[in-house]
N, C-alpha and C. Protein backbone atom coordinates (compact mmCIF):
# COMPACT_ATOMS: atom_id res chain seq x y z
N MET A 1 -14.73 -9.34 -6.84
CA MET A 1 -14.05 -8.50 -5.87
C MET A 1 -13.26 -7.43 -6.62
N THR A 2 -13.45 -6.19 -6.26
CA THR A 2 -12.73 -5.11 -6.91
C THR A 2 -11.47 -4.78 -6.13
N LYS A 3 -10.47 -4.35 -6.84
CA LYS A 3 -9.19 -4.01 -6.23
C LYS A 3 -9.14 -2.51 -5.98
N LYS A 4 -8.75 -2.11 -4.79
CA LYS A 4 -8.63 -0.69 -4.46
C LYS A 4 -7.33 -0.16 -5.04
N THR A 5 -7.41 1.04 -5.63
CA THR A 5 -6.23 1.68 -6.17
C THR A 5 -6.22 3.14 -5.75
N LEU A 6 -5.08 3.78 -5.94
CA LEU A 6 -4.97 5.19 -5.61
C LEU A 6 -5.94 5.99 -6.46
N SER A 7 -6.58 6.94 -5.87
CA SER A 7 -7.46 7.81 -6.64
C SER A 7 -7.73 9.05 -5.83
N ILE A 8 -8.44 9.97 -6.45
CA ILE A 8 -8.89 11.13 -5.72
C ILE A 8 -10.39 11.04 -5.60
N SER A 9 -10.91 11.62 -4.58
CA SER A 9 -12.34 11.61 -4.37
C SER A 9 -12.89 12.98 -4.71
N THR A 10 -13.95 12.99 -5.50
CA THR A 10 -14.53 14.27 -5.88
C THR A 10 -15.94 14.42 -5.35
N GLY A 11 -16.38 13.48 -4.55
CA GLY A 11 -17.75 13.53 -4.03
C GLY A 11 -17.86 14.45 -2.83
N PRO A 12 -19.11 14.76 -2.43
CA PRO A 12 -19.32 15.63 -1.28
C PRO A 12 -18.88 14.94 0.00
N LYS A 13 -18.35 15.70 0.92
CA LYS A 13 -17.87 15.15 2.18
C LYS A 13 -18.62 15.79 3.34
N SER A 14 -19.18 14.95 4.20
CA SER A 14 -19.92 15.49 5.33
C SER A 14 -19.14 15.36 6.62
N ASP A 15 -18.26 14.35 6.71
CA ASP A 15 -17.51 14.12 7.94
C ASP A 15 -16.07 13.79 7.58
N ALA A 16 -15.12 14.51 8.15
CA ALA A 16 -13.71 14.32 7.80
C ALA A 16 -12.98 13.51 8.85
N THR A 17 -13.57 12.38 9.29
CA THR A 17 -12.89 11.55 10.27
C THR A 17 -11.77 10.74 9.63
N ASP A 18 -11.87 10.46 8.37
CA ASP A 18 -10.85 9.74 7.64
C ASP A 18 -10.01 10.76 6.86
N PRO A 19 -8.68 10.68 6.91
CA PRO A 19 -7.84 11.65 6.20
C PRO A 19 -8.16 11.74 4.72
N ARG A 20 -8.60 10.62 4.10
CA ARG A 20 -8.92 10.66 2.67
C ARG A 20 -10.10 11.58 2.40
N ASP A 21 -10.94 11.81 3.40
CA ASP A 21 -12.12 12.64 3.19
C ASP A 21 -11.79 14.11 3.02
N THR A 22 -10.59 14.52 3.36
CA THR A 22 -10.22 15.93 3.17
C THR A 22 -9.74 16.19 1.76
N TRP A 23 -9.75 15.18 0.91
CA TRP A 23 -9.26 15.30 -0.45
C TRP A 23 -10.38 15.59 -1.43
N GLY A 24 -11.48 16.12 -1.01
CA GLY A 24 -12.60 16.39 -1.91
C GLY A 24 -12.28 17.50 -2.88
N VAL A 25 -11.40 17.23 -3.83
CA VAL A 25 -10.98 18.22 -4.82
C VAL A 25 -11.99 18.20 -5.96
N LYS A 26 -12.48 19.36 -6.33
CA LYS A 26 -13.43 19.41 -7.44
C LYS A 26 -13.41 20.78 -8.09
N GLY A 27 -14.16 20.89 -9.16
CA GLY A 27 -14.30 22.17 -9.85
C GLY A 27 -13.03 22.66 -10.49
N LYS A 28 -12.81 23.96 -10.37
CA LYS A 28 -11.67 24.61 -11.03
C LYS A 28 -10.33 24.10 -10.50
N ARG A 29 -10.29 23.78 -9.20
CA ARG A 29 -9.03 23.29 -8.63
C ARG A 29 -8.65 21.94 -9.25
N LEU A 30 -9.62 21.06 -9.43
CA LEU A 30 -9.35 19.77 -10.05
C LEU A 30 -8.93 19.96 -11.50
N ASP A 31 -9.60 20.85 -12.21
CA ASP A 31 -9.22 21.15 -13.60
C ASP A 31 -7.79 21.67 -13.67
N ARG A 32 -7.43 22.53 -12.72
CA ARG A 32 -6.07 23.08 -12.69
C ARG A 32 -5.03 21.99 -12.43
N LEU A 33 -5.35 21.06 -11.51
CA LEU A 33 -4.45 19.94 -11.25
C LEU A 33 -4.26 19.09 -12.51
N HIS A 34 -5.35 18.82 -13.23
CA HIS A 34 -5.24 18.05 -14.47
C HIS A 34 -4.36 18.77 -15.50
N ASP A 35 -4.54 20.08 -15.63
CA ASP A 35 -3.71 20.85 -16.57
C ASP A 35 -2.25 20.83 -16.17
N MET A 36 -1.97 20.98 -14.87
CA MET A 36 -0.58 20.96 -14.41
C MET A 36 0.05 19.59 -14.64
N ALA A 37 -0.69 18.51 -14.36
CA ALA A 37 -0.17 17.16 -14.56
C ALA A 37 0.12 16.91 -16.04
N ARG A 38 -0.77 17.36 -16.90
CA ARG A 38 -0.57 17.21 -18.34
C ARG A 38 0.70 17.94 -18.78
N ASP A 39 0.89 19.16 -18.28
CA ASP A 39 2.08 19.94 -18.63
C ASP A 39 3.35 19.24 -18.14
N ARG A 40 3.31 18.69 -16.95
CA ARG A 40 4.49 17.99 -16.42
C ARG A 40 4.78 16.71 -17.20
N ARG A 41 3.72 16.02 -17.67
CA ARG A 41 3.96 14.83 -18.49
C ARG A 41 4.61 15.21 -19.82
N ARG A 42 4.24 16.34 -20.35
CA ARG A 42 4.79 16.79 -21.64
C ARG A 42 6.19 17.37 -21.51
N ASN A 43 6.57 17.82 -20.32
CA ASN A 43 7.87 18.47 -20.11
C ASN A 43 8.62 17.84 -18.94
N PRO A 44 8.99 16.57 -19.05
CA PRO A 44 9.68 15.92 -17.93
C PRO A 44 11.13 16.36 -17.80
N THR A 45 11.69 16.19 -16.61
CA THR A 45 13.12 16.45 -16.42
C THR A 45 13.89 15.28 -17.02
N ASP A 46 15.21 15.44 -17.15
CA ASP A 46 16.03 14.35 -17.69
C ASP A 46 15.95 13.12 -16.80
N ALA A 47 15.94 13.32 -15.48
CA ALA A 47 15.86 12.20 -14.55
C ALA A 47 14.51 11.48 -14.68
N GLU A 48 13.44 12.24 -14.84
CA GLU A 48 12.11 11.63 -15.01
C GLU A 48 12.05 10.83 -16.31
N LYS A 49 12.63 11.36 -17.39
CA LYS A 49 12.65 10.64 -18.66
C LYS A 49 13.38 9.31 -18.52
N LEU A 50 14.55 9.37 -17.87
CA LEU A 50 15.35 8.17 -17.70
C LEU A 50 14.63 7.12 -16.86
N LEU A 51 14.08 7.53 -15.74
CA LEU A 51 13.39 6.56 -14.87
C LEU A 51 12.14 6.02 -15.56
N TRP A 52 11.45 6.85 -16.32
CA TRP A 52 10.24 6.40 -17.00
C TRP A 52 10.56 5.30 -18.02
N THR A 53 11.76 5.34 -18.64
CA THR A 53 12.13 4.28 -19.58
C THR A 53 12.19 2.93 -18.87
N ARG A 54 12.45 2.94 -17.57
CA ARG A 54 12.53 1.70 -16.79
C ARG A 54 11.19 1.29 -16.17
N LEU A 55 10.29 2.27 -15.98
CA LEU A 55 9.01 1.97 -15.33
C LEU A 55 7.87 1.74 -16.33
N ALA A 56 7.95 2.34 -17.50
CA ALA A 56 6.86 2.26 -18.48
C ALA A 56 6.63 0.83 -18.95
N ASN A 57 5.40 0.56 -19.34
CA ASN A 57 5.02 -0.74 -19.91
C ASN A 57 5.34 -1.92 -19.00
N GLN A 58 5.22 -1.72 -17.72
CA GLN A 58 5.38 -2.77 -16.71
C GLN A 58 6.74 -3.47 -16.79
N LYS A 59 7.78 -2.69 -17.12
CA LYS A 59 9.12 -3.26 -17.24
C LYS A 59 9.75 -3.60 -15.90
N LEU A 60 9.33 -2.94 -14.84
CA LEU A 60 9.94 -3.18 -13.53
C LEU A 60 9.06 -4.14 -12.73
N GLY A 61 9.41 -5.40 -12.77
CA GLY A 61 8.72 -6.41 -11.99
C GLY A 61 7.27 -6.67 -12.39
N GLY A 62 6.86 -6.18 -13.54
CA GLY A 62 5.48 -6.38 -13.98
C GLY A 62 4.48 -5.43 -13.34
N PHE A 63 4.96 -4.42 -12.62
CA PHE A 63 4.08 -3.46 -11.96
C PHE A 63 3.78 -2.29 -12.89
N LYS A 64 2.52 -1.86 -12.90
CA LYS A 64 2.11 -0.76 -13.76
C LYS A 64 2.26 0.56 -13.03
N PHE A 65 2.97 1.48 -13.66
CA PHE A 65 3.16 2.83 -13.12
C PHE A 65 2.45 3.86 -13.98
N LYS A 66 2.06 4.95 -13.35
CA LYS A 66 1.51 6.10 -14.05
C LYS A 66 2.42 7.28 -13.73
N LYS A 67 2.62 8.15 -14.72
CA LYS A 67 3.48 9.31 -14.47
C LYS A 67 2.65 10.56 -14.29
N GLN A 68 3.17 11.47 -13.45
CA GLN A 68 2.50 12.73 -13.12
C GLN A 68 1.04 12.46 -12.80
N PHE A 69 0.85 11.71 -11.73
CA PHE A 69 -0.45 11.20 -11.31
C PHE A 69 -0.99 12.05 -10.17
N ILE A 70 -2.26 12.36 -10.22
CA ILE A 70 -2.89 13.17 -9.17
C ILE A 70 -3.31 12.26 -8.03
N VAL A 71 -2.80 12.57 -6.84
CA VAL A 71 -3.18 11.86 -5.62
C VAL A 71 -3.62 12.92 -4.63
N GLY A 72 -4.91 12.97 -4.38
CA GLY A 72 -5.44 13.98 -3.48
C GLY A 72 -5.26 15.36 -4.06
N THR A 73 -4.52 16.18 -3.36
CA THR A 73 -4.28 17.55 -3.81
C THR A 73 -2.89 17.72 -4.39
N SER A 74 -2.20 16.61 -4.63
CA SER A 74 -0.82 16.65 -5.11
C SER A 74 -0.69 15.96 -6.47
N ILE A 75 0.35 16.32 -7.16
CA ILE A 75 0.74 15.62 -8.38
C ILE A 75 2.05 14.94 -8.07
N VAL A 76 2.07 13.61 -8.16
CA VAL A 76 3.29 12.86 -7.86
C VAL A 76 3.96 12.46 -9.16
N ASP A 77 5.28 12.29 -9.13
CA ASP A 77 6.02 11.98 -10.34
C ASP A 77 5.60 10.63 -10.93
N PHE A 78 5.62 9.58 -10.10
CA PHE A 78 5.24 8.25 -10.55
C PHE A 78 4.43 7.58 -9.46
N ALA A 79 3.42 6.82 -9.86
CA ALA A 79 2.59 6.12 -8.88
C ALA A 79 2.30 4.72 -9.40
N CYS A 80 2.35 3.76 -8.49
CA CYS A 80 1.92 2.40 -8.77
C CYS A 80 0.67 2.19 -7.94
N PRO A 81 -0.50 2.47 -8.53
CA PRO A 81 -1.74 2.45 -7.75
C PRO A 81 -2.10 1.12 -7.11
N THR A 82 -1.72 0.01 -7.72
CA THR A 82 -2.12 -1.28 -7.17
C THR A 82 -1.47 -1.61 -5.84
N VAL A 83 -0.28 -1.05 -5.59
CA VAL A 83 0.40 -1.31 -4.32
C VAL A 83 0.60 -0.04 -3.50
N TRP A 84 -0.10 1.03 -3.87
CA TRP A 84 -0.08 2.29 -3.13
C TRP A 84 1.35 2.77 -2.88
N LEU A 85 2.12 2.88 -3.97
CA LEU A 85 3.49 3.37 -3.88
C LEU A 85 3.66 4.57 -4.79
N VAL A 86 4.32 5.59 -4.27
CA VAL A 86 4.61 6.80 -5.01
C VAL A 86 6.12 6.98 -5.05
N VAL A 87 6.65 7.34 -6.23
CA VAL A 87 8.07 7.62 -6.40
C VAL A 87 8.20 9.07 -6.82
N GLU A 88 8.98 9.82 -6.04
CA GLU A 88 9.20 11.24 -6.32
C GLU A 88 10.68 11.46 -6.63
N ILE A 89 10.93 12.31 -7.61
CA ILE A 89 12.29 12.71 -7.97
C ILE A 89 12.39 14.21 -7.72
N ASP A 90 13.34 14.61 -6.87
CA ASP A 90 13.42 15.99 -6.44
C ASP A 90 14.79 16.59 -6.70
N ASP A 91 14.81 17.92 -6.76
CA ASP A 91 16.07 18.66 -6.79
C ASP A 91 16.65 18.68 -5.39
N LEU A 92 17.92 18.96 -5.29
CA LEU A 92 18.56 19.04 -3.98
C LEU A 92 18.05 20.24 -3.17
N ASP A 93 17.61 21.29 -3.86
CA ASP A 93 17.23 22.52 -3.16
C ASP A 93 15.73 22.58 -2.82
N ILE A 94 15.03 21.46 -2.85
CA ILE A 94 13.60 21.46 -2.54
C ILE A 94 13.40 21.66 -1.04
N ASP A 95 12.29 22.27 -0.67
CA ASP A 95 11.97 22.56 0.72
C ASP A 95 11.70 21.26 1.49
N ALA A 96 12.57 20.93 2.43
CA ALA A 96 12.46 19.69 3.20
C ALA A 96 11.18 19.66 4.04
N GLU A 97 10.78 20.80 4.56
CA GLU A 97 9.56 20.86 5.38
C GLU A 97 8.33 20.55 4.53
N LEU A 98 8.30 21.08 3.32
CA LEU A 98 7.19 20.81 2.41
C LEU A 98 7.16 19.34 2.01
N GLN A 99 8.33 18.76 1.77
CA GLN A 99 8.45 17.33 1.47
C GLN A 99 7.89 16.50 2.61
N ALA A 100 8.29 16.81 3.82
CA ALA A 100 7.85 16.05 4.99
C ALA A 100 6.34 16.13 5.16
N MET A 101 5.78 17.32 4.95
CA MET A 101 4.33 17.49 5.08
C MET A 101 3.60 16.65 4.02
N SER A 102 4.09 16.67 2.81
CA SER A 102 3.49 15.89 1.73
C SER A 102 3.57 14.40 2.03
N ASP A 103 4.73 13.94 2.46
CA ASP A 103 4.91 12.52 2.79
C ASP A 103 4.00 12.10 3.94
N ARG A 104 3.86 12.96 4.94
CA ARG A 104 3.02 12.66 6.10
C ARG A 104 1.55 12.54 5.68
N LYS A 105 1.11 13.44 4.81
CA LYS A 105 -0.28 13.41 4.36
C LYS A 105 -0.55 12.14 3.56
N LEU A 106 0.38 11.76 2.71
CA LEU A 106 0.21 10.53 1.94
C LEU A 106 0.27 9.30 2.83
N ALA A 107 1.18 9.31 3.80
CA ALA A 107 1.30 8.17 4.71
C ALA A 107 0.05 7.98 5.57
N GLU A 108 -0.64 9.06 5.90
CA GLU A 108 -1.86 8.97 6.70
C GLU A 108 -2.93 8.11 6.04
N VAL A 109 -2.93 8.07 4.72
CA VAL A 109 -3.92 7.27 4.01
C VAL A 109 -3.34 5.98 3.44
N GLY A 110 -2.12 5.65 3.84
CA GLY A 110 -1.54 4.37 3.46
C GLY A 110 -0.64 4.37 2.24
N VAL A 111 -0.34 5.54 1.68
CA VAL A 111 0.52 5.61 0.50
C VAL A 111 1.98 5.63 0.96
N ARG A 112 2.76 4.74 0.39
CA ARG A 112 4.19 4.70 0.70
C ARG A 112 4.92 5.59 -0.31
N VAL A 113 5.90 6.34 0.17
CA VAL A 113 6.61 7.31 -0.68
C VAL A 113 8.10 7.00 -0.69
N LEU A 114 8.66 6.92 -1.90
CA LEU A 114 10.11 6.81 -2.09
C LEU A 114 10.57 8.09 -2.76
N ARG A 115 11.61 8.70 -2.22
CA ARG A 115 12.15 9.93 -2.81
C ARG A 115 13.59 9.72 -3.24
N PHE A 116 13.90 10.25 -4.42
CA PHE A 116 15.25 10.21 -4.95
C PHE A 116 15.59 11.58 -5.49
N THR A 117 16.87 11.90 -5.52
CA THR A 117 17.29 13.17 -6.13
C THR A 117 17.48 12.93 -7.63
N ASN A 118 17.44 14.03 -8.39
CA ASN A 118 17.72 13.94 -9.82
C ASN A 118 19.08 13.30 -10.06
N GLU A 119 20.06 13.71 -9.24
CA GLU A 119 21.42 13.21 -9.40
C GLU A 119 21.50 11.71 -9.18
N ALA A 120 20.80 11.20 -8.17
CA ALA A 120 20.84 9.77 -7.88
C ALA A 120 20.28 8.97 -9.06
N VAL A 121 19.21 9.46 -9.66
CA VAL A 121 18.62 8.77 -10.81
C VAL A 121 19.56 8.82 -12.01
N LEU A 122 20.12 9.99 -12.29
CA LEU A 122 20.99 10.14 -13.45
C LEU A 122 22.30 9.37 -13.30
N GLU A 123 22.82 9.28 -12.07
CA GLU A 123 24.10 8.62 -11.85
C GLU A 123 23.97 7.10 -11.79
N ASP A 124 22.90 6.58 -11.17
CA ASP A 124 22.77 5.12 -11.02
C ASP A 124 21.30 4.71 -11.04
N VAL A 125 20.71 4.72 -12.22
CA VAL A 125 19.29 4.38 -12.34
C VAL A 125 19.03 2.92 -11.97
N ASP A 126 20.04 2.06 -12.13
CA ASP A 126 19.86 0.65 -11.76
C ASP A 126 19.66 0.49 -10.26
N ALA A 127 20.42 1.23 -9.46
CA ALA A 127 20.27 1.17 -8.00
C ALA A 127 18.91 1.73 -7.57
N VAL A 128 18.47 2.79 -8.23
CA VAL A 128 17.16 3.38 -7.93
C VAL A 128 16.06 2.37 -8.25
N CYS A 129 16.15 1.72 -9.40
CA CYS A 129 15.15 0.72 -9.79
C CYS A 129 15.16 -0.47 -8.83
N ALA A 130 16.33 -0.87 -8.37
CA ALA A 130 16.42 -1.97 -7.41
C ALA A 130 15.72 -1.61 -6.11
N GLU A 131 15.89 -0.39 -5.65
CA GLU A 131 15.23 0.06 -4.42
C GLU A 131 13.72 0.14 -4.60
N ILE A 132 13.29 0.60 -5.76
CA ILE A 132 11.85 0.67 -6.04
C ILE A 132 11.26 -0.74 -6.08
N LEU A 133 11.94 -1.65 -6.76
CA LEU A 133 11.46 -3.03 -6.86
C LEU A 133 11.37 -3.70 -5.50
N GLU A 134 12.35 -3.42 -4.65
CA GLU A 134 12.32 -3.98 -3.29
C GLU A 134 11.09 -3.49 -2.54
N MET A 135 10.77 -2.21 -2.68
CA MET A 135 9.58 -1.66 -2.01
C MET A 135 8.30 -2.22 -2.62
N LEU A 136 8.29 -2.42 -3.93
CA LEU A 136 7.11 -2.99 -4.59
C LEU A 136 6.80 -4.39 -4.07
N LYS A 137 7.84 -5.13 -3.78
CA LYS A 137 7.67 -6.51 -3.32
C LYS A 137 7.46 -6.63 -1.81
N THR A 138 7.64 -5.52 -1.09
CA THR A 138 7.46 -5.53 0.36
C THR A 138 5.97 -5.51 0.68
N PRO A 139 5.50 -6.49 1.47
CA PRO A 139 4.08 -6.49 1.83
C PRO A 139 3.73 -5.25 2.65
N PHE A 140 2.52 -4.79 2.48
CA PHE A 140 2.06 -3.63 3.22
C PHE A 140 0.59 -3.81 3.54
N GLU A 141 0.14 -3.08 4.52
CA GLU A 141 -1.27 -3.11 4.86
C GLU A 141 -1.81 -1.69 4.80
N LYS A 142 -2.70 -1.48 3.86
CA LYS A 142 -3.32 -0.18 3.68
C LYS A 142 -4.31 0.04 4.81
N PRO A 143 -4.26 1.22 5.45
CA PRO A 143 -5.22 1.49 6.51
C PRO A 143 -6.66 1.42 5.99
N ARG A 144 -7.51 0.89 6.81
CA ARG A 144 -8.91 0.76 6.42
C ARG A 144 -9.71 1.94 6.93
N ARG A 145 -10.76 2.25 6.18
CA ARG A 145 -11.69 3.30 6.64
C ARG A 145 -12.43 2.78 7.86
N PRO A 146 -12.70 3.67 8.82
CA PRO A 146 -13.49 3.22 9.96
C PRO A 146 -14.90 2.87 9.50
N ARG A 147 -15.41 1.76 10.02
CA ARG A 147 -16.75 1.34 9.64
C ARG A 147 -17.78 2.07 10.48
N THR A 148 -18.84 2.49 9.84
CA THR A 148 -19.94 3.12 10.56
C THR A 148 -21.13 2.21 10.47
N PRO A 149 -21.89 2.08 11.55
CA PRO A 149 -23.05 1.19 11.52
C PRO A 149 -24.10 1.72 10.55
N PRO A 150 -24.81 0.83 9.88
CA PRO A 150 -25.84 1.28 8.96
C PRO A 150 -26.97 1.97 9.71
N VAL A 151 -27.52 2.99 9.09
CA VAL A 151 -28.62 3.73 9.70
C VAL A 151 -29.92 3.20 9.11
N THR A 152 -30.81 2.76 9.98
CA THR A 152 -32.11 2.26 9.55
C THR A 152 -33.20 3.10 10.19
N PRO A 153 -34.37 3.15 9.58
CA PRO A 153 -35.46 3.93 10.17
C PRO A 153 -35.82 3.46 11.58
N VAL A 154 -35.72 2.14 11.84
CA VAL A 154 -36.04 1.63 13.17
C VAL A 154 -35.03 2.14 14.19
N ALA A 155 -33.74 2.11 13.81
CA ALA A 155 -32.71 2.58 14.73
C ALA A 155 -32.87 4.07 14.98
N ASP A 156 -33.22 4.86 13.94
CA ASP A 156 -33.43 6.28 14.11
C ASP A 156 -34.59 6.54 15.07
N ALA A 157 -35.68 5.80 14.93
CA ALA A 157 -36.83 5.98 15.80
C ALA A 157 -36.48 5.61 17.24
N TYR A 158 -35.69 4.54 17.40
CA TYR A 158 -35.29 4.12 18.73
C TYR A 158 -34.41 5.19 19.39
N ASN A 159 -33.42 5.72 18.63
CA ASN A 159 -32.53 6.74 19.17
C ASN A 159 -33.24 8.04 19.44
N ALA A 160 -34.31 8.31 18.70
CA ALA A 160 -35.04 9.55 18.91
C ALA A 160 -36.00 9.45 20.10
N GLY A 161 -36.17 8.25 20.66
CA GLY A 161 -37.01 8.09 21.85
C GLY A 161 -38.47 7.82 21.54
N TYR A 162 -38.78 7.35 20.34
CA TYR A 162 -40.16 7.04 20.01
C TYR A 162 -40.56 5.70 20.54
């Protein structure tokens, strides 16, 4: 049995009934996302550096985190793919509407998002880690893709009226 984890889909999409299907990022856009994520990993903020010291190497509850991880069309600060949790660290002056849209898009596919300000992380990283750990241990149910019936030549012939 394979375990589902956060990822992006780069395959062709024919039907966008599932929100994850709109994430068909490929080509130059995907390359650009990889370059931006790499740059952000190399140039973290002070708050990101501090929190990463607590999340790296499965130090927080044994959960594995990735930093500056691509999820769909976004780059998130930290992601724990096994439990579909994203941790974002933001400035106070970030656009709240943009934040809400990003959170809504991630929530549509089952990703839980925790947001903290730079100041909150720098002032009390222990409290931030406690809140993250609490969310990591909270059971969740990832939305399932809608099942489509298998298409067989017999069913196609029947539906076509032969």
